[in-house]
């Protein structure tokens, strides 16, 4: 059992996904989790689980060991200014899941030796399937293990250098939207060739899940597995070539690069 208390400050889309994942797993008792939001009524449905809900960020900090700040980039300085005098370096670990805000920017505000982490999960944390990239500013082994344990609860965790955090945001967090758009297109194609929407969704969702599991378990390059289903003059290679003629791979790569260039500005 994870005995540390956790607060999620700014429980919007990503914060709520983290909270839902933690509640689903039940490793952390719900009464050890505090969630804050300006309009707290939007979280009222979580009260039945035993989560502590409040609009008071300071009390959330005082009640917690691990503090996840999950607010928009334009709001993080105000939040850090509000809580900085209540951060205790011997107790607290500060974790920012705010995209594009660096250690130096955070440190310039908090001005304390509290361990600071940056983390980038995605919304599939809500079902325990996130990939979370984390980095830290020289935290000790015990703190690193605590943070990794927390994010392992809601999926898979990997430690990277800070210089790659923006790339991780695009590939792991924004990437969910790219994959969902691809899935939507597959479902639309399935409907056009005869399936009803519900059946098309079931087939496509399981196909995508199976493809991902295939690569995870076998650790092969996608093209290796693609070769197994592209028989000469077959329907698969015809479909793949038509997609490539219309810019399938290049448009996806351009989209990823465009998102990265946006976050870097």
Protein backbone atom coordinates (compact mmCIF):
# COMPACT_ATOMS: atom_id res chain seq x y z
CA UNK A 1 0.00 0.00 0.00
CA UNK A 2 1.31 3.46 -0.95
CA UNK A 3 1.21 5.42 2.32
CA UNK A 4 1.87 8.90 0.99
CA UNK A 5 -0.89 11.48 0.61
CA UNK A 6 -1.45 13.03 -2.80
CA UNK A 7 -3.00 16.30 -3.90
CA UNK A 8 -4.00 17.20 -7.45
CA UNK A 9 -4.16 20.94 -7.81
CA UNK A 10 -6.24 22.09 -10.76
CA UNK A 11 -8.30 19.00 -11.44
CA UNK A 12 -9.23 19.67 -15.08
CA UNK A 13 -9.05 17.13 -17.90
CA UNK A 14 -5.60 15.70 -17.21
CA UNK A 15 -5.90 16.08 -13.43
CA UNK A 16 -9.25 14.32 -13.46
CA UNK A 17 -7.79 11.53 -15.60
CA UNK A 18 -5.02 11.04 -13.04
CA UNK A 19 -7.56 11.02 -10.22
CA UNK A 20 -9.81 8.51 -11.98
CA UNK A 21 -6.84 6.22 -12.59
CA UNK A 22 -5.79 6.36 -8.95
CA UNK A 23 -9.33 5.61 -7.81
CA UNK A 24 -9.65 2.74 -10.28
CA UNK A 25 -6.46 1.10 -9.00
CA UNK A 26 -7.19 1.62 -5.28
CA UNK A 27 -3.52 1.33 -4.27
CA UNK A 28 -3.84 4.76 -2.68
CA UNK A 29 -6.82 5.03 -0.30
CA UNK A 30 -9.28 7.60 -1.64
CA UNK A 31 -9.19 9.52 1.63
CA UNK A 32 -5.45 10.09 1.06
CA UNK A 33 -6.19 12.02 -2.14
CA UNK A 34 -7.13 15.70 -2.26
CA UNK A 35 -8.40 17.35 -5.45
CA UNK A 36 -8.79 21.08 -5.97
CA UNK A 37 -10.70 22.99 -8.58
CA UNK A 38 -12.07 26.51 -8.74
CA UNK A 39 -15.55 25.22 -9.54
CA UNK A 40 -15.53 22.32 -7.12
CA UNK A 41 -19.12 21.34 -7.94
CA UNK A 42 -17.82 19.84 -11.17
CA UNK A 43 -16.08 17.20 -9.04
CA UNK A 44 -19.02 16.59 -6.69
CA UNK A 45 -19.65 13.15 -8.20
CA UNK A 46 -16.31 11.99 -6.75
CA UNK A 47 -17.32 12.65 -3.17
CA UNK A 48 -18.88 9.21 -2.81
CA UNK A 49 -15.42 7.64 -3.32
CA UNK A 50 -14.01 9.42 -0.28
CA UNK A 51 -11.76 11.90 -2.10
CA UNK A 52 -11.22 15.17 -0.29
CA UNK A 53 -12.52 17.99 -2.48
CA UNK A 54 -11.62 21.62 -1.86
CA UNK A 55 -11.08 24.99 -3.52
CA UNK A 56 -8.26 25.75 -1.05
CA UNK A 57 -4.90 24.98 -2.65
CA UNK A 58 -2.98 25.79 0.52
CA UNK A 59 -4.88 23.29 2.66
CA UNK A 60 -4.38 20.71 -0.10
CA UNK A 61 -0.62 21.26 0.12
CA UNK A 62 -0.63 21.06 3.91
CA UNK A 63 -2.53 17.76 3.78
CA UNK A 64 -0.27 16.09 1.21
CA UNK A 65 3.18 14.64 0.58
CA UNK A 66 3.10 14.56 -3.24
CA UNK A 67 1.67 17.66 -4.90
CA UNK A 68 0.67 17.41 -8.55
CA UNK A 69 0.12 20.76 -10.20
CA UNK A 70 -2.11 20.14 -13.19
CA UNK A 71 -3.07 23.62 -14.37
CA UNK A 72 -2.80 25.42 -17.70
CA UNK A 73 0.59 27.01 -18.51
CA UNK A 74 -0.80 30.54 -18.22
CA UNK A 75 -1.97 29.83 -14.66
CA UNK A 76 0.89 27.90 -13.11
CA UNK A 77 2.88 30.92 -11.89
CA UNK A 78 -0.13 32.21 -9.94
CA UNK A 79 -0.67 28.78 -8.37
CA UNK A 80 3.00 28.38 -7.44
CA UNK A 81 3.05 31.88 -5.94
CA UNK A 82 0.05 30.91 -3.84
CA UNK A 83 1.51 27.69 -2.42
CA UNK A 84 5.28 28.35 -2.35
CA UNK A 85 5.44 29.45 1.30
CA UNK A 86 3.74 26.21 2.37
CA UNK A 87 6.14 23.83 0.62
CA UNK A 88 8.27 21.84 3.04
CA UNK A 89 11.52 20.46 1.51
CA UNK A 90 11.68 17.66 4.10
CA UNK A 91 8.17 16.44 3.35
CA UNK A 92 6.87 17.58 0.00
CA UNK A 93 7.56 16.56 -3.59
CA UNK A 94 6.31 19.00 -6.21
CA UNK A 95 5.27 17.48 -9.54
CA UNK A 96 4.29 19.66 -12.49
CA UNK A 97 2.18 18.09 -15.23
CA UNK A 98 1.91 21.45 -16.99
CA UNK A 99 3.27 21.34 -20.53
CA UNK A 100 6.11 23.63 -21.56
CA UNK A 101 7.04 24.97 -18.12
CA UNK A 102 10.67 24.23 -17.26
CA UNK A 103 12.42 23.46 -13.98
CA UNK A 104 14.10 26.85 -14.03
CA UNK A 105 10.76 28.63 -14.47
CA UNK A 106 9.25 26.67 -11.58
CA UNK A 107 12.31 27.19 -9.37
CA UNK A 108 12.30 30.93 -10.08
CA UNK A 109 8.89 31.09 -8.42
CA UNK A 110 9.09 28.60 -5.54
CA UNK A 111 12.70 29.41 -4.55
CA UNK A 112 13.03 26.42 -2.24
CA UNK A 113 14.94 23.16 -2.14
CA UNK A 114 11.76 21.08 -2.42
CA UNK A 115 12.26 18.22 -4.93
CA UNK A 116 10.70 19.15 -8.26
CA UNK A 117 9.58 16.75 -10.96
CA UNK A 118 8.01 17.29 -14.35
CA UNK A 119 5.68 14.61 -15.64
CA UNK A 120 3.70 14.15 -18.82
CA UNK A 121 0.98 11.49 -18.63
CA UNK A 122 -2.00 11.31 -20.98
CA UNK A 123 -5.76 10.99 -20.54
CA UNK A 124 -5.67 7.19 -20.73
CA UNK A 125 -4.44 7.45 -17.14
CA UNK A 126 -8.15 7.31 -16.31
CA UNK A 127 -8.20 3.62 -17.31
CA UNK A 128 -4.71 2.83 -16.02
CA UNK A 129 -3.07 2.80 -19.47
CA UNK A 130 -1.12 6.04 -19.64
CA UNK A 131 2.46 6.34 -20.71
CA UNK A 132 4.03 8.89 -18.37
CA UNK A 133 7.41 10.49 -19.02
CA UNK A 134 9.06 12.01 -15.95
CA UNK A 135 12.21 13.97 -15.20
CA UNK A 136 13.60 15.59 -12.06
CA UNK A 137 16.05 18.25 -10.91
CA UNK A 138 18.44 16.06 -8.95
CA UNK A 139 15.98 14.38 -6.61
CA UNK A 140 17.19 11.58 -4.36
CA UNK A 141 16.54 7.90 -5.02
CA UNK A 142 13.71 7.64 -2.51
CA UNK A 143 11.81 10.56 -4.05
CA UNK A 144 12.34 9.21 -7.56
CA UNK A 145 10.96 5.84 -6.50
CA UNK A 146 7.91 7.48 -4.91
CA UNK A 147 7.09 9.48 -8.02
CA UNK A 148 7.67 6.55 -10.35
CA UNK A 149 5.49 4.34 -8.15
CA UNK A 150 2.70 6.94 -8.30
CA UNK A 151 2.72 7.08 -12.10
CA UNK A 152 3.13 3.32 -12.46
CA UNK A 153 -0.28 3.06 -10.80
CA UNK A 154 -1.89 4.72 -13.82
CA UNK A 155 0.15 3.04 -16.57
CA UNK A 156 3.76 2.82 -17.72
CA UNK A 157 6.47 5.23 -16.61
CA UNK A 158 9.80 6.15 -18.15
CA UNK A 159 12.43 8.63 -17.01
CA UNK A 160 13.80 11.01 -19.65
CA UNK A 161 15.94 14.15 -19.83
CA UNK A 162 14.14 17.45 -19.42
CA UNK A 163 15.12 18.54 -22.92
CA UNK A 164 12.82 15.79 -24.26
CA UNK A 165 9.76 16.72 -22.18
CA UNK A 166 8.19 18.79 -24.93
CA UNK A 167 8.72 15.92 -27.37
CA UNK A 168 7.12 13.59 -24.84
CA UNK A 169 4.15 15.94 -24.61
CA UNK A 170 3.59 15.74 -28.35
CA UNK A 171 4.16 12.02 -28.80
CA UNK A 172 2.54 10.76 -25.61
CA UNK A 173 -0.10 13.32 -24.63
CA UNK A 174 -1.10 14.91 -27.94
CA UNK A 175 -0.53 11.49 -29.49
CA UNK A 176 -3.74 10.21 -27.90
CA UNK A 177 -5.70 12.65 -30.08
CA UNK A 178 -3.82 11.56 -33.21
CA UNK A 179 -4.58 7.90 -32.54
CA UNK A 180 -8.22 8.62 -31.74
CA UNK A 181 -8.58 10.56 -35.01
CA UNK A 182 -7.09 7.57 -36.86
CA UNK A 183 -9.54 5.25 -35.09
CA UNK A 184 -12.43 7.52 -35.98
CA UNK A 185 -11.43 7.43 -39.63
CA UNK A 186 -11.22 3.63 -39.58
CA UNK A 187 -14.71 3.44 -38.07
CA UNK A 188 -16.06 5.78 -40.75
CA UNK A 189 -14.49 3.58 -43.41
CA UNK A 190 -16.02 0.52 -41.76
CA UNK A 191 -19.46 2.08 -41.91
CA UNK A 192 -19.01 2.92 -45.57
CA UNK A 193 -18.24 -0.72 -46.40
CA UNK A 194 -21.27 -2.04 -44.59
CA UNK A 195 -20.96 -2.22 -40.81
CA UNK A 196 -23.17 -0.36 -38.38
CA UNK A 197 -21.34 2.15 -36.18
CA UNK A 198 -21.35 -0.02 -33.05
CA UNK A 199 -19.92 -3.07 -34.78
CA UNK A 200 -17.36 -1.02 -36.69
CA UNK A 201 -16.22 0.58 -33.42
CA UNK A 202 -15.87 -2.80 -31.70
CA UNK A 203 -13.80 -4.23 -34.55
CA UNK A 204 -11.56 -1.19 -34.91
CA UNK A 205 -10.99 -0.69 -31.18
CA UNK A 206 -9.93 -4.29 -30.70
CA UNK A 207 -7.79 -4.22 -33.85
CA UNK A 208 -5.90 -1.16 -32.62
CA UNK A 209 -5.49 -2.68 -29.16
CA UNK A 210 -4.24 -5.92 -30.71
CA UNK A 211 -1.76 -4.09 -32.94
CA UNK A 212 -0.33 -2.20 -29.96
CA UNK A 213 -0.06 -5.35 -27.82
CA UNK A 214 1.65 -7.16 -30.70
CA UNK A 215 4.38 -4.53 -30.87
CA UNK A 216 4.73 -4.27 -27.09
CA UNK A 217 5.08 -8.02 -26.54
CA UNK A 218 7.18 -8.94 -29.57
CA UNK A 219 9.27 -5.75 -29.62
CA UNK A 220 9.45 -5.78 -33.40
CA UNK A 221 9.40 -2.86 -35.82
CA UNK A 222 5.88 -2.19 -37.17
CA UNK A 223 7.02 -2.93 -40.71
CA UNK A 224 8.03 -6.45 -39.66
CA UNK A 225 4.44 -7.19 -38.64
CA UNK A 226 2.99 -5.33 -41.63
CA UNK A 227 4.93 -7.63 -43.97
CA UNK A 228 3.01 -10.59 -42.57
CA UNK A 229 -0.31 -9.30 -43.90
CA UNK A 230 0.78 -7.70 -47.18
CA UNK A 231 0.62 -10.58 -49.62
CA UNK A 232 1.53 -9.95 -53.28
CA UNK A 233 -1.38 -8.38 -55.19
CA UNK A 234 -3.46 -8.57 -51.98
CA UNK A 235 -6.05 -6.15 -50.67
CA UNK A 236 -3.86 -4.96 -47.75
CA UNK A 237 -1.01 -3.63 -49.88
CA UNK A 238 -3.46 -1.97 -52.24
CA UNK A 239 -5.06 -0.16 -49.31
CA UNK A 240 -1.72 0.83 -47.77
CA UNK A 241 -0.39 2.16 -51.08
CA UNK A 242 -3.55 4.20 -51.65
CA UNK A 243 -3.16 5.73 -48.18
CA UNK A 244 0.48 6.57 -48.84
CA UNK A 245 -0.34 8.07 -52.25
CA UNK A 246 -2.66 10.41 -50.35
CA UNK A 247 -0.01 11.39 -47.82
CA UNK A 248 -0.97 9.21 -44.84
CA UNK A 249 2.47 8.86 -43.22
CA UNK A 250 3.77 12.26 -44.27
CA UNK A 251 0.68 14.09 -42.98
CA UNK A 252 0.99 12.36 -39.61
CA UNK A 253 4.68 13.21 -39.34
CA UNK A 254 3.98 16.82 -40.37
CA UNK A 255 1.25 17.04 -37.74
CA UNK A 256 3.60 15.82 -35.01
CA UNK A 257 6.30 18.28 -36.08
CA UNK A 258 3.78 21.15 -36.30
CA UNK A 259 2.57 20.42 -32.77
CA UNK A 260 6.15 20.34 -31.53
CA UNK A 261 6.98 23.65 -33.19
CA UNK A 262 3.91 25.19 -31.57
CA UNK A 263 4.86 24.08 -28.05
CA UNK A 264 8.46 25.22 -28.56
CA UNK A 265 7.42 28.82 -29.34
